[in-house]
Amino acid sequence: MERYQKGIIVGGTGLLYQAADLLEQSGRVNQIELYFCNRNGFGKKQKETIRCRQLSGKKELMDLLSQESEKTLVLSVMNQWLFTQEVLCNENLLVVNLHHALLPAHRGRNAEAWAIYEGDEKAGITWHKVDAGVDTGAVYLQKEMEVDDSMTSIKLLTRLNEAALEGLKELLQEGFSQRELIKQEPDGSCPHLAKEIPNGGWLDLSWDLKQTSRFLRAMDYGIMNVLGSPKVRLGDGVYVCKSWRILESKEETKDGIEFSSEERKLCIRKEGTTILLKNMKKMESETDGNII
């Protein structure tokens, strides 16, 4: 059986604990360590048998990994930092990354949101070997799923996390060295940056129903609020939307836009459907995000 002295899982959120459980059950590692890039999930489900560490920054992680002298499997799970060449040249490490898209599509950050916004019919996850590029390494495994017209980013992310754990379980059962690595064919696209937001976060009132729906669903990460709230320009200024619903009407209605500052809601009627934006709040400016 393919074994490692250590299994190090790097990233954020409680998904690290679930990945650690699978790693522990596989019997392929003698010791498991979790390195958190932020406080999201840190310490919530900590076991005595698993060491957890909150990192102060990228340099601390890279110093630890570049100096690792034991045979180690490194799993990058929702990790925000790119690995340095010094780490990747450490022959004691096998570094494997989880990406929430069917690579080479949607390299970079917040891939699930871009899949929805761009109208992809399918989304998925990729476990791939890390190289010097951004999500360009050879692929160990992919799992795909359909993206329906009701899927929001938070719902898709939840389903992708489930698929990621299924894929990791398969890889650990078989062993990474037994998997055939599949080289990625570049598609010419640039990776999405963390600062990039679909249409800059702006709702365009001239969009048709499908594009409006894709935008709102892509922006919706629930309480995680990864991309912020959708913004829209109205007659007296700029407003942000805190919640929204899409309502199909059985009765024929005329297309139109109605805004009530008192009720703090915006109704967009298109193609027999009402898009209701609620809890609208006016911004002091378009750039600072402060709300009146």
C-alpha atoms as a PDB file:
ATOM      1  CA  MET A   1       0.000   0.000   0.000  1.00  0.00           C
ATOM      2  CA  GLU A   2       1.168   3.514  -0.847  1.00  0.00           C
ATOM      3  CA  ARG A   3       1.940   5.171   2.499  1.00  0.00           C
ATOM      4  CA  TYR A   4       3.141   8.542   3.738  1.00  0.00           C
ATOM      5  CA  GLN A   5       4.696   9.596   7.012  1.00  0.00           C
ATOM      6  CA  LYS A   6       2.476  12.677   7.043  1.00  0.00           C
ATOM      7  CA  GLY A   7      -0.744  13.910   5.526  1.00  0.00           C
ATOM      8  CA  ILE A   8      -1.002  17.710   5.532  1.00  0.00           C
ATOM      9  CA  ILE A   9      -4.262  19.365   4.511  1.00  0.00           C
ATOM     10  CA  VAL A  10      -4.041  23.088   3.732  1.00  0.00           C
ATOM     11  CA  GLY A  11      -6.913  25.524   3.262  1.00  0.00           C
ATOM     12  CA  GLY A  12     -10.015  26.786   4.990  1.00  0.00           C
ATOM     13  CA  THR A  13     -13.559  25.817   6.066  1.00  0.00           C
ATOM     14  CA  GLY A  14     -14.784  22.682   7.798  1.00  0.00           C
ATOM     15  CA  LEU A  15     -14.136  20.691   4.623  1.00  0.00           C
ATOM     16  CA  LEU A  16     -10.623  20.130   5.943  1.00  0.00           C
ATOM     17  CA  TYR A  17     -11.973  18.009   8.793  1.00  0.00           C
ATOM     18  CA  GLN A  18     -14.013  15.853   6.420  1.00  0.00           C
ATOM     19  CA  ALA A  19     -10.981  15.355   4.200  1.00  0.00           C
ATOM     20  CA  ALA A  20      -8.943  14.481   7.299  1.00  0.00           C
ATOM     21  CA  ASP A  21     -11.482  11.812   8.268  1.00  0.00           C
ATOM     22  CA  LEU A  22     -11.085  10.182   4.856  1.00  0.00           C
ATOM     23  CA  LEU A  23      -7.311  10.402   5.085  1.00  0.00           C
ATOM     24  CA  GLU A  24      -7.376   8.816   8.539  1.00  0.00           C
ATOM     25  CA  GLN A  25      -9.709   6.014   7.400  1.00  0.00           C
ATOM     26  CA  SER A  26      -7.530   5.246   4.386  1.00  0.00           C
ATOM     27  CA  GLY A  27      -4.622   4.120   6.570  1.00  0.00           C
ATOM     28  CA  ARG A  28      -2.167   5.718   4.166  1.00  0.00           C
ATOM     29  CA  VAL A  29      -0.659   8.233   6.590  1.00  0.00           C
ATOM     30  CA  ASN A  30       0.932   7.929  10.027  1.00  0.00           C
ATOM     31  CA  GLN A  31       0.201  11.497  11.096  1.00  0.00           C
ATOM     32  CA  ILE A  32      -2.318  14.151   9.967  1.00  0.00           C
ATOM     33  CA  GLU A  33      -1.900  17.906  10.279  1.00  0.00           C
ATOM     34  CA  LEU A  34      -4.386  20.605   9.261  1.00  0.00           C
ATOM     35  CA  TYR A  35      -3.072  24.032   8.295  1.00  0.00           C
ATOM     36  CA  PHE A  36      -5.742  26.736   8.199  1.00  0.00           C
ATOM     37  CA  CYS A  37      -5.236  29.834   6.057  1.00  0.00           C
ATOM     38  CA  ASN A  38      -7.928  31.681   8.019  1.00  0.00           C
ATOM     39  CA  ARG A  39     -10.173  31.224  11.050  1.00  0.00           C
ATOM     40  CA  ASN A  40     -13.029  29.797   8.989  1.00  0.00           C
ATOM     41  CA  GLY A  41     -13.520  26.354  10.503  1.00  0.00           C
ATOM     42  CA  PHE A  42     -10.382  26.414  12.656  1.00  0.00           C
ATOM     43  CA  GLY A  43     -10.793  24.445  15.892  1.00  0.00           C
ATOM     44  CA  LYS A  44     -14.478  23.626  15.385  1.00  0.00           C
ATOM     45  CA  LYS A  45     -14.109  19.857  15.035  1.00  0.00           C
ATOM     46  CA  GLN A  46     -10.600  19.327  16.258  1.00  0.00           C
ATOM     47  CA  LYS A  47      -9.580  15.803  17.264  1.00  0.00           C
ATOM     48  CA  GLU A  48      -6.816  14.903  19.687  1.00  0.00           C
ATOM     49  CA  THR A  49      -5.280  12.698  17.004  1.00  0.00           C
ATOM     50  CA  ILE A  50      -5.120  15.515  14.433  1.00  0.00           C
ATOM     51  CA  ARG A  51      -2.941  18.574  14.874  1.00  0.00           C
ATOM     52  CA  CYS A  52      -4.514  21.886  13.773  1.00  0.00           C
ATOM     53  CA  ARG A  53      -2.571  25.036  13.129  1.00  0.00           C
ATOM     54  CA  GLN A  54      -3.714  28.491  12.073  1.00  0.00           C
ATOM     55  CA  LEU A  55      -1.163  30.061   9.762  1.00  0.00           C
ATOM     56  CA  SER A  56      -0.047  33.657  10.061  1.00  0.00           C
ATOM     57  CA  GLY A  57       0.485  33.996   6.333  1.00  0.00           C
ATOM     58  CA  LYS A  58       1.730  32.419   3.129  1.00  0.00           C
ATOM     59  CA  LYS A  59       5.405  32.637   4.111  1.00  0.00           C
ATOM     60  CA  GLU A  60       4.881  30.508   7.220  1.00  0.00           C
ATOM     61  CA  LEU A  61       3.247  27.760   5.161  1.00  0.00           C
ATOM     62  CA  MET A  62       5.856  27.781   2.434  1.00  0.00           C
ATOM     63  CA  ASP A  63       8.695  27.704   4.961  1.00  0.00           C
ATOM     64  CA  LEU A  64       7.140  24.706   6.713  1.00  0.00           C
ATOM     65  CA  LEU A  65       6.569  22.762   3.497  1.00  0.00           C
ATOM     66  CA  SER A  66       9.896  23.571   1.859  1.00  0.00           C
ATOM     67  CA  GLN A  67      11.705  22.252   4.938  1.00  0.00           C
ATOM     68  CA  GLU A  68       9.600  19.073   5.259  1.00  0.00           C
ATOM     69  CA  SER A  69      11.954  16.083   5.377  1.00  0.00           C
ATOM     70  CA  GLU A  70       9.423  13.249   5.650  1.00  0.00           C
ATOM     71  CA  LYS A  71       7.421  11.651   2.858  1.00  0.00           C
ATOM     72  CA  THR A  72       4.266  13.774   2.897  1.00  0.00           C
ATOM     73  CA  LEU A  73       0.976  13.961   1.020  1.00  0.00           C
ATOM     74  CA  VAL A  74      -0.166  17.594   0.849  1.00  0.00           C
ATOM     75  CA  LEU A  75      -3.826  18.189   0.007  1.00  0.00           C
ATOM     76  CA  SER A  76      -4.743  21.746  -0.948  1.00  0.00           C
ATOM     77  CA  VAL A  77      -8.448  22.168  -0.136  1.00  0.00           C
ATOM     78  CA  MET A  78      -9.959  25.627  -0.717  1.00  0.00           C
ATOM     79  CA  ASN A  79      -6.488  27.053  -0.225  1.00  0.00           C
ATOM     80  CA  GLN A  80      -5.992  30.675  -1.255  1.00  0.00           C
ATOM     81  CA  TRP A  81      -2.206  30.607  -1.717  1.00  0.00           C
ATOM     82  CA  LEU A  82      -0.121  29.439  -4.670  1.00  0.00           C
ATOM     83  CA  PHE A  83       2.753  27.109  -3.811  1.00  0.00           C
ATOM     84  CA  THR A  84       6.265  28.398  -4.394  1.00  0.00           C
ATOM     85  CA  GLN A  85       8.777  26.690  -6.654  1.00  0.00           C
ATOM     86  CA  GLU A  86      10.847  25.837  -3.577  1.00  0.00           C
ATOM     87  CA  VAL A  87       7.944  23.810  -2.164  1.00  0.00           C
ATOM     88  CA  LEU A  88       7.195  22.104  -5.463  1.00  0.00           C
ATOM     89  CA  CYS A  89      10.868  21.106  -5.801  1.00  0.00           C
ATOM     90  CA  ASN A  90      10.827  19.332  -2.430  1.00  0.00           C
ATOM     91  CA  GLU A  91      11.000  15.680  -3.470  1.00  0.00           C
ATOM     92  CA  ASN A  92       9.477  14.568  -0.175  1.00  0.00           C
ATOM     93  CA  LEU A  93       6.121  16.149  -1.068  1.00  0.00           C
ATOM     94  CA  LEU A  94       3.244  15.129  -3.306  1.00  0.00           C
ATOM     95  CA  VAL A  95       1.069  18.237  -3.605  1.00  0.00           C
ATOM     96  CA  VAL A  96      -2.499  17.704  -4.843  1.00  0.00           C
ATOM     97  CA  ASN A  97      -5.084  20.448  -5.249  1.00  0.00           C
ATOM     98  CA  LEU A  98      -8.881  20.448  -5.246  1.00  0.00           C
ATOM     99  CA  HIS A  99     -10.458  22.811  -7.772  1.00  0.00           C
ATOM    100  CA  HIS A 100     -14.187  23.491  -7.963  1.00  0.00           C
ATOM    101  CA  ALA A 101     -14.478  23.314 -11.748  1.00  0.00           C
ATOM    102  CA  LEU A 102     -13.901  20.977 -14.657  1.00  0.00           C
ATOM    103  CA  LEU A 103     -10.422  22.137 -15.567  1.00  0.00           C
ATOM    104  CA  PRO A 104      -9.174  23.696 -17.748  1.00  0.00           C
ATOM    105  CA  ALA A 105     -12.434  25.682 -17.493  1.00  0.00           C
ATOM    106  CA  HIS A 106     -12.642  28.385 -14.814  1.00  0.00           C
ATOM    107  CA  ARG A 107      -9.160  28.314 -13.386  1.00  0.00           C
ATOM    108  CA  GLY A 108      -8.642  30.587 -10.397  1.00  0.00           C
ATOM    109  CA  ARG A 109     -11.040  31.786  -7.711  1.00  0.00           C
ATOM    110  CA  ASN A 110     -14.803  31.346  -7.168  1.00  0.00           C
ATOM    111  CA  ALA A 111     -15.153  28.953 -10.092  1.00  0.00           C
ATOM    112  CA  GLU A 112     -18.678  27.863  -9.128  1.00  0.00           C
ATOM    113  CA  ALA A 113     -19.955  31.451  -9.454  1.00  0.00           C
ATOM    114  CA  TRP A 114     -18.417  31.844 -12.900  1.00  0.00           C
ATOM    115  CA  ALA A 115     -19.901  28.539 -14.069  1.00  0.00           C
ATOM    116  CA  ILE A 116     -23.370  29.834 -13.180  1.00  0.00           C
ATOM    117  CA  TYR A 117     -22.853  33.351 -14.515  1.00  0.00           C
ATOM    118  CA  GLU A 118     -21.525  32.121 -17.852  1.00  0.00           C
ATOM    119  CA  GLY A 119     -24.419  29.694 -18.249  1.00  0.00           C
ATOM    120  CA  ASP A 120     -22.461  26.437 -18.138  1.00  0.00           C
ATOM    121  CA  GLU A 121     -24.680  23.380 -18.406  1.00  0.00           C
ATOM    122  CA  LYS A 122     -22.212  21.324 -16.369  1.00  0.00           C
ATOM    123  CA  ALA A 123     -19.942  22.042 -13.416  1.00  0.00           C
ATOM    124  CA  GLY A 124     -17.677  19.781 -11.427  1.00  0.00           C
ATOM    125  CA  ILE A 125     -14.545  19.254  -9.402  1.00  0.00           C
ATOM    126  CA  THR A 126     -10.973  18.381 -10.305  1.00  0.00           C
ATOM    127  CA  TRP A 127      -8.269  16.807  -8.158  1.00  0.00           C
ATOM    128  CA  HIS A 128      -4.975  17.602  -9.875  1.00  0.00           C
ATOM    129  CA  LYS A 129      -1.258  17.557  -9.226  1.00  0.00           C
ATOM    130  CA  VAL A 130       0.072  21.021  -8.465  1.00  0.00           C
ATOM    131  CA  ASP A 131       2.609  22.565 -10.824  1.00  0.00           C
ATOM    132  CA  ALA A 132       3.992  26.083 -11.231  1.00  0.00           C
ATOM    133  CA  GLY A 133       0.879  27.355 -13.036  1.00  0.00           C
ATOM    134  CA  VAL A 134      -2.550  28.360 -11.728  1.00  0.00           C
ATOM    135  CA  ASP A 135      -4.678  25.182 -11.750  1.00  0.00           C
ATOM    136  CA  THR A 136      -2.740  23.857 -14.750  1.00  0.00           C
ATOM    137  CA  GLY A 137      -1.379  20.589 -13.295  1.00  0.00           C
ATOM    138  CA  ALA A 138      -2.149  17.128 -14.649  1.00  0.00           C
ATOM    139  CA  VAL A 139      -5.510  15.695 -13.573  1.00  0.00           C
ATOM    140  CA  TYR A 140      -6.012  12.720 -11.262  1.00  0.00           C
ATOM    141  CA  LEU A 141      -9.808  12.730 -11.215  1.00  0.00           C
ATOM    142  CA  GLN A 142     -12.857  14.776 -12.217  1.00  0.00           C
ATOM    143  CA  LYS A 143     -16.524  14.545 -11.293  1.00  0.00           C
ATOM    144  CA  GLU A 144     -19.227  16.493 -13.087  1.00  0.00           C
ATOM    145  CA  MET A 145     -22.837  17.470 -12.428  1.00  0.00           C
ATOM    146  CA  GLU A 146     -25.570  19.423 -14.176  1.00  0.00           C
ATOM    147  CA  VAL A 147     -26.241  23.073 -13.394  1.00  0.00           C
ATOM    148  CA  ASP A 148     -29.983  23.769 -13.413  1.00  0.00           C
ATOM    149  CA  ASP A 149     -31.789  27.109 -13.601  1.00  0.00           C
ATOM    150  CA  SER A 150     -32.302  27.293  -9.831  1.00  0.00           C
ATOM    151  CA  MET A 151     -28.701  26.664  -8.756  1.00  0.00           C
ATOM    152  CA  THR A 152     -27.060  29.384  -6.662  1.00  0.00           C
ATOM    153  CA  SER A 153     -23.347  29.579  -5.903  1.00  0.00           C
ATOM    154  CA  ILE A 154     -23.788  28.382  -2.319  1.00  0.00           C
ATOM    155  CA  LYS A 155     -25.910  25.421  -3.412  1.00  0.00           C
ATOM    156  CA  LEU A 156     -23.500  24.482  -6.165  1.00  0.00           C
ATOM    157  CA  LEU A 157     -20.516  24.843  -3.838  1.00  0.00           C
ATOM    158  CA  THR A 158     -22.182  22.477  -1.344  1.00  0.00           C
ATOM    159  CA  ARG A 159     -22.771  19.857  -4.017  1.00  0.00           C
ATOM    160  CA  LEU A 160     -19.246  20.255  -5.372  1.00  0.00           C
ATOM    161  CA  ASN A 161     -17.810  19.724  -1.893  1.00  0.00           C
ATOM    162  CA  GLU A 162     -19.746  16.466  -1.648  1.00  0.00           C
ATOM    163  CA  ALA A 163     -18.375  15.379  -5.027  1.00  0.00           C
ATOM    164  CA  ALA A 164     -14.871  16.393  -3.935  1.00  0.00           C
ATOM    165  CA  LEU A 165     -15.018  14.105  -0.910  1.00  0.00           C
ATOM    166  CA  GLU A 166     -16.322  11.242  -3.043  1.00  0.00           C
ATOM    167  CA  GLY A 167     -13.428  11.774  -5.427  1.00  0.00           C
ATOM    168  CA  LEU A 168     -10.867  11.946  -2.639  1.00  0.00           C
ATOM    169  CA  LYS A 169     -12.171   8.694  -1.178  1.00  0.00           C
ATOM    170  CA  GLU A 170     -11.689   7.005  -4.562  1.00  0.00           C
ATOM    171  CA  LEU A 171      -8.161   8.364  -4.916  1.00  0.00           C
ATOM    172  CA  LEU A 172      -7.161   7.238  -1.425  1.00  0.00           C
ATOM    173  CA  GLN A 173      -8.606   3.771  -1.957  1.00  0.00           C
ATOM    174  CA  GLU A 174      -6.685   3.297  -5.192  1.00  0.00           C
ATOM    175  CA  GLY A 175      -3.587   5.339  -4.380  1.00  0.00           C
ATOM    176  CA  PHE A 176      -2.349   8.411  -6.228  1.00  0.00           C
ATOM    177  CA  SER A 177       0.583   6.544  -7.769  1.00  0.00           C
ATOM    178  CA  GLN A 178      -1.843   4.094  -9.367  1.00  0.00           C
ATOM    179  CA  ARG A 179      -3.866   6.782 -11.139  1.00  0.00           C
ATOM    180  CA  GLU A 180      -3.109   7.755 -14.709  1.00  0.00           C
ATOM    181  CA  LEU A 181      -2.375  11.472 -14.806  1.00  0.00           C
ATOM    182  CA  ILE A 182      -4.116  13.283 -17.669  1.00  0.00           C
ATOM    183  CA  LYS A 183      -2.378  16.357 -19.030  1.00  0.00           C
ATOM    184  CA  GLN A 184      -4.553  19.446 -19.321  1.00  0.00           C
ATOM    185  CA  GLU A 185      -5.000  21.047 -22.705  1.00  0.00           C
ATOM    186  CA  PRO A 186      -4.904  24.854 -22.243  1.00  0.00           C
ATOM    187  CA  ASP A 187      -8.061  26.630 -23.419  1.00  0.00           C
ATOM    188  CA  GLY A 188      -6.444  30.052 -23.699  1.00  0.00           C
ATOM    189  CA  SER A 189      -8.433  31.619 -20.869  1.00  0.00           C
ATOM    190  CA  CYS A 190      -6.983  33.595 -17.967  1.00  0.00           C
ATOM    191  CA  PRO A 191      -7.639  32.470 -14.386  1.00  0.00           C
ATOM    192  CA  HIS A 192     -10.325  34.298 -12.432  1.00  0.00           C
ATOM    193  CA  LEU A 193      -8.873  36.563  -9.761  1.00  0.00           C
ATOM    194  CA  ALA A 194     -10.322  36.899  -6.261  1.00  0.00           C
ATOM    195  CA  LYS A 195     -11.132  40.568  -6.913  1.00  0.00           C
ATOM    196  CA  GLU A 196     -13.120  39.772 -10.061  1.00  0.00           C
ATOM    197  CA  ILE A 197     -16.903  39.720  -9.698  1.00  0.00           C
ATOM    198  CA  PRO A 198     -19.499  38.928 -12.394  1.00  0.00           C
ATOM    199  CA  ASN A 199     -20.163  42.229 -14.203  1.00  0.00           C
ATOM    200  CA  GLY A 200     -18.360  43.983 -11.380  1.00  0.00           C
ATOM    201  CA  GLY A 201     -21.281  43.175  -9.073  1.00  0.00           C
ATOM    202  CA  TRP A 202     -23.706  45.356 -11.075  1.00  0.00           C
ATOM    203  CA  LEU A 203     -27.197  44.245 -12.066  1.00  0.00           C
ATOM    204  CA  ASP A 204     -27.979  45.553 -15.562  1.00  0.00           C
ATOM    205  CA  LEU A 205     -31.688  46.310 -15.911  1.00  0.00           C
ATOM    206  CA  SER A 206     -31.470  45.833 -19.698  1.00  0.00           C
ATOM    207  CA  TRP A 207     -30.612  42.145 -19.363  1.00  0.00           C
ATOM    208  CA  ASP A 208     -33.102  39.481 -20.356  1.00  0.00           C
ATOM    209  CA  LEU A 209     -34.577  37.095 -17.795  1.00  0.00           C
ATOM    210  CA  LYS A 210     -31.969  34.352 -18.200  1.00  0.00           C
ATOM    211  CA  GLN A 211     -29.006  36.662 -17.818  1.00  0.00           C
ATOM    212  CA  THR A 212     -30.551  38.413 -14.825  1.00  0.00           C
ATOM    213  CA  SER A 213     -31.186  35.058 -13.174  1.00  0.00           C
ATOM    214  CA  ARG A 214     -27.646  33.834 -13.853  1.00  0.00           C
ATOM    215  CA  PHE A 215     -26.190  36.992 -12.332  1.00  0.00           C
ATOM    216  CA  LEU A 216     -28.271  36.894  -9.145  1.00  0.00           C
ATOM    217  CA  ARG A 217     -27.676  33.180  -8.636  1.00  0.00           C
ATOM    218  CA  ALA A 218     -23.927  33.561  -9.221  1.00  0.00           C
ATOM    219  CA  MET A 219     -23.705  36.346  -6.632  1.00  0.00           C
ATOM    220  CA  ASP A 220     -25.623  34.336  -4.023  1.00  0.00           C
ATOM    221  CA  TYR A 221     -23.304  32.690  -1.498  1.00  0.00           C
ATOM    222  CA  GLY A 222     -25.805  33.030   1.355  1.00  0.00           C
ATOM    223  CA  ILE A 223     -24.297  34.141   4.659  1.00  0.00           C
ATOM    224  CA  MET A 224     -20.785  33.547   3.294  1.00  0.00           C
ATOM    225  CA  ASN A 225     -21.239  36.693   1.155  1.00  0.00           C
ATOM    226  CA  VAL A 226     -18.143  35.873  -0.893  1.00  0.00           C
ATOM    227  CA  LEU A 227     -18.829  38.344  -3.708  1.00  0.00           C
ATOM    228  CA  GLY A 228     -20.798  40.966  -1.800  1.00  0.00           C
ATOM    229  CA  SER A 229     -24.341  42.128  -2.562  1.00  0.00           C
ATOM    230  CA  PRO A 230     -25.621  42.916  -6.070  1.00  0.00           C
ATOM    231  CA  LYS A 231     -25.671  46.634  -6.910  1.00  0.00           C
ATOM    232  CA  VAL A 232     -28.126  48.435  -9.192  1.00  0.00           C
ATOM    233  CA  ARG A 233     -28.423  52.007 -10.404  1.00  0.00           C
ATOM    234  CA  LEU A 234     -31.862  53.554  -9.890  1.00  0.00           C
ATOM    235  CA  GLY A 235     -33.215  57.062 -10.348  1.00  0.00           C
ATOM    236  CA  ASP A 236     -31.935  58.614  -7.126  1.00  0.00           C
ATOM    237  CA  GLY A 237     -28.709  56.696  -6.688  1.00  0.00           C
ATOM    238  CA  VAL A 238     -27.112  53.294  -6.254  1.00  0.00           C
ATOM    239  CA  TYR A 239     -28.696  50.538  -4.187  1.00  0.00           C
ATOM    240  CA  VAL A 240     -27.565  47.157  -2.943  1.00  0.00           C
ATOM    241  CA  CYS A 241     -29.872  44.162  -2.744  1.00  0.00           C
ATOM    242  CA  LYS A 242     -29.775  41.983   0.375  1.00  0.00           C
ATOM    243  CA  SER A 243     -32.222  39.305  -0.808  1.00  0.00           C
ATOM    244  CA  TRP A 244     -34.089  38.304  -3.952  1.00  0.00           C
ATOM    245  CA  ARG A 245     -36.641  35.876  -5.365  1.00  0.00           C
ATOM    246  CA  ILE A 246     -37.768  34.823  -8.831  1.00  0.00           C
ATOM    247  CA  LEU A 247     -41.541  34.325  -9.073  1.00  0.00           C
ATOM    248  CA  GLU A 248     -43.249  32.778 -12.049  1.00  0.00           C
ATOM    249  CA  SER A 249     -46.713  34.246 -12.641  1.00  0.00           C
ATOM    250  CA  LYS A 250     -49.669  32.253 -13.974  1.00  0.00           C
ATOM    251  CA  GLU A 251     -51.287  35.494 -15.059  1.00  0.00           C
ATOM    252  CA  GLU A 252     -50.077  37.504 -18.011  1.00  0.00           C
ATOM    253  CA  THR A 253     -48.160  40.582 -16.865  1.00  0.00           C
ATOM    254  CA  LYS A 254     -46.567  43.439 -18.744  1.00  0.00           C
ATOM    255  CA  ASP A 255     -42.811  43.812 -18.734  1.00  0.00           C
ATOM    256  CA  GLY A 256     -41.647  46.675 -16.559  1.00  0.00           C
ATOM    257  CA  ILE A 257     -39.629  47.875 -13.583  1.00  0.00           C
ATOM    258  CA  GLU A 258     -41.080  49.257 -10.353  1.00  0.00           C
ATOM    259  CA  PHE A 259     -39.117  50.528  -7.358  1.00  0.00           C
ATOM    260  CA  SER A 260     -40.565  51.403  -3.946  1.00  0.00           C
ATOM    261  CA  SER A 261     -38.171  53.219  -1.631  1.00  0.00           C
ATOM    262  CA  GLU A 262     -40.660  52.904   1.237  1.00  0.00           C
ATOM    263  CA  GLU A 263     -41.009  49.142   0.878  1.00  0.00           C
ATOM    264  CA  ARG A 264     -37.345  48.902  -0.120  1.00  0.00           C
ATOM    265  CA  LYS A 265     -38.043  46.579  -3.000  1.00  0.00           C
ATOM    266  CA  LEU A 266     -37.499  46.473  -6.744  1.00  0.00           C
ATOM    267  CA  CYS A 267     -39.794  44.472  -9.045  1.00  0.00           C
ATOM    268  CA  ILE A 268     -38.532  43.513 -12.483  1.00  0.00           C
ATOM    269  CA  ARG A 269     -41.175  41.920 -14.701  1.00  0.00           C
ATOM    270  CA  LYS A 270     -39.917  40.134 -17.799  1.00  0.00           C
ATOM    271  CA  GLU A 271     -41.224  37.295 -19.937  1.00  0.00           C
ATOM    272  CA  GLY A 272     -44.096  36.514 -17.570  1.00  0.00           C
ATOM    273  CA  THR A 273     -41.781  36.301 -14.579  1.00  0.00           C
ATOM    274  CA  THR A 274     -41.262  38.659 -11.648  1.00  0.00           C
ATOM    275  CA  ILE A 275     -37.810  39.153 -10.164  1.00  0.00           C
ATOM    276  CA  LEU A 276     -38.239  40.626  -6.696  1.00  0.00           C
ATOM    277  CA  LEU A 277     -35.260  42.319  -5.063  1.00  0.00           C
ATOM    278  CA  LYS A 278     -35.906  43.028  -1.391  1.00  0.00           C
ATOM    279  CA  ASN A 279     -34.231  44.880   1.479  1.00  0.00           C
ATOM    280  CA  MET A 280     -32.781  47.433  -0.920  1.00  0.00           C
ATOM    281  CA  LYS A 281     -30.375  49.863   0.743  1.00  0.00           C
ATOM    282  CA  LYS A 282     -28.942  53.039  -0.705  1.00  0.00           C
ATOM    283  CA  MET A 283     -25.161  53.430  -0.934  1.00  0.00           C
ATOM    284  CA  GLU A 284     -23.323  56.626  -0.118  1.00  0.00           C
ATOM    285  CA  SER A 285     -21.083  56.087  -3.125  1.00  0.00           C
ATOM    286  CA  GLU A 286     -20.439  53.514  -5.824  1.00  0.00           C
ATOM    287  CA  THR A 287     -16.973  52.682  -4.519  1.00  0.00           C
ATOM    288  CA  ASP A 288     -16.862  52.707  -0.732  1.00  0.00           C
ATOM    289  CA  GLY A 289     -19.782  50.372  -0.104  1.00  0.00           C
ATOM    290  CA  ASN A 290     -21.079  52.435   2.821  1.00  0.00           C
ATOM    291  CA  ILE A 291     -24.827  52.307   3.191  1.00  0.00           C
ATOM    292  CA  ILE A 292     -27.202  55.067   4.255  1.00  0.00           C
END
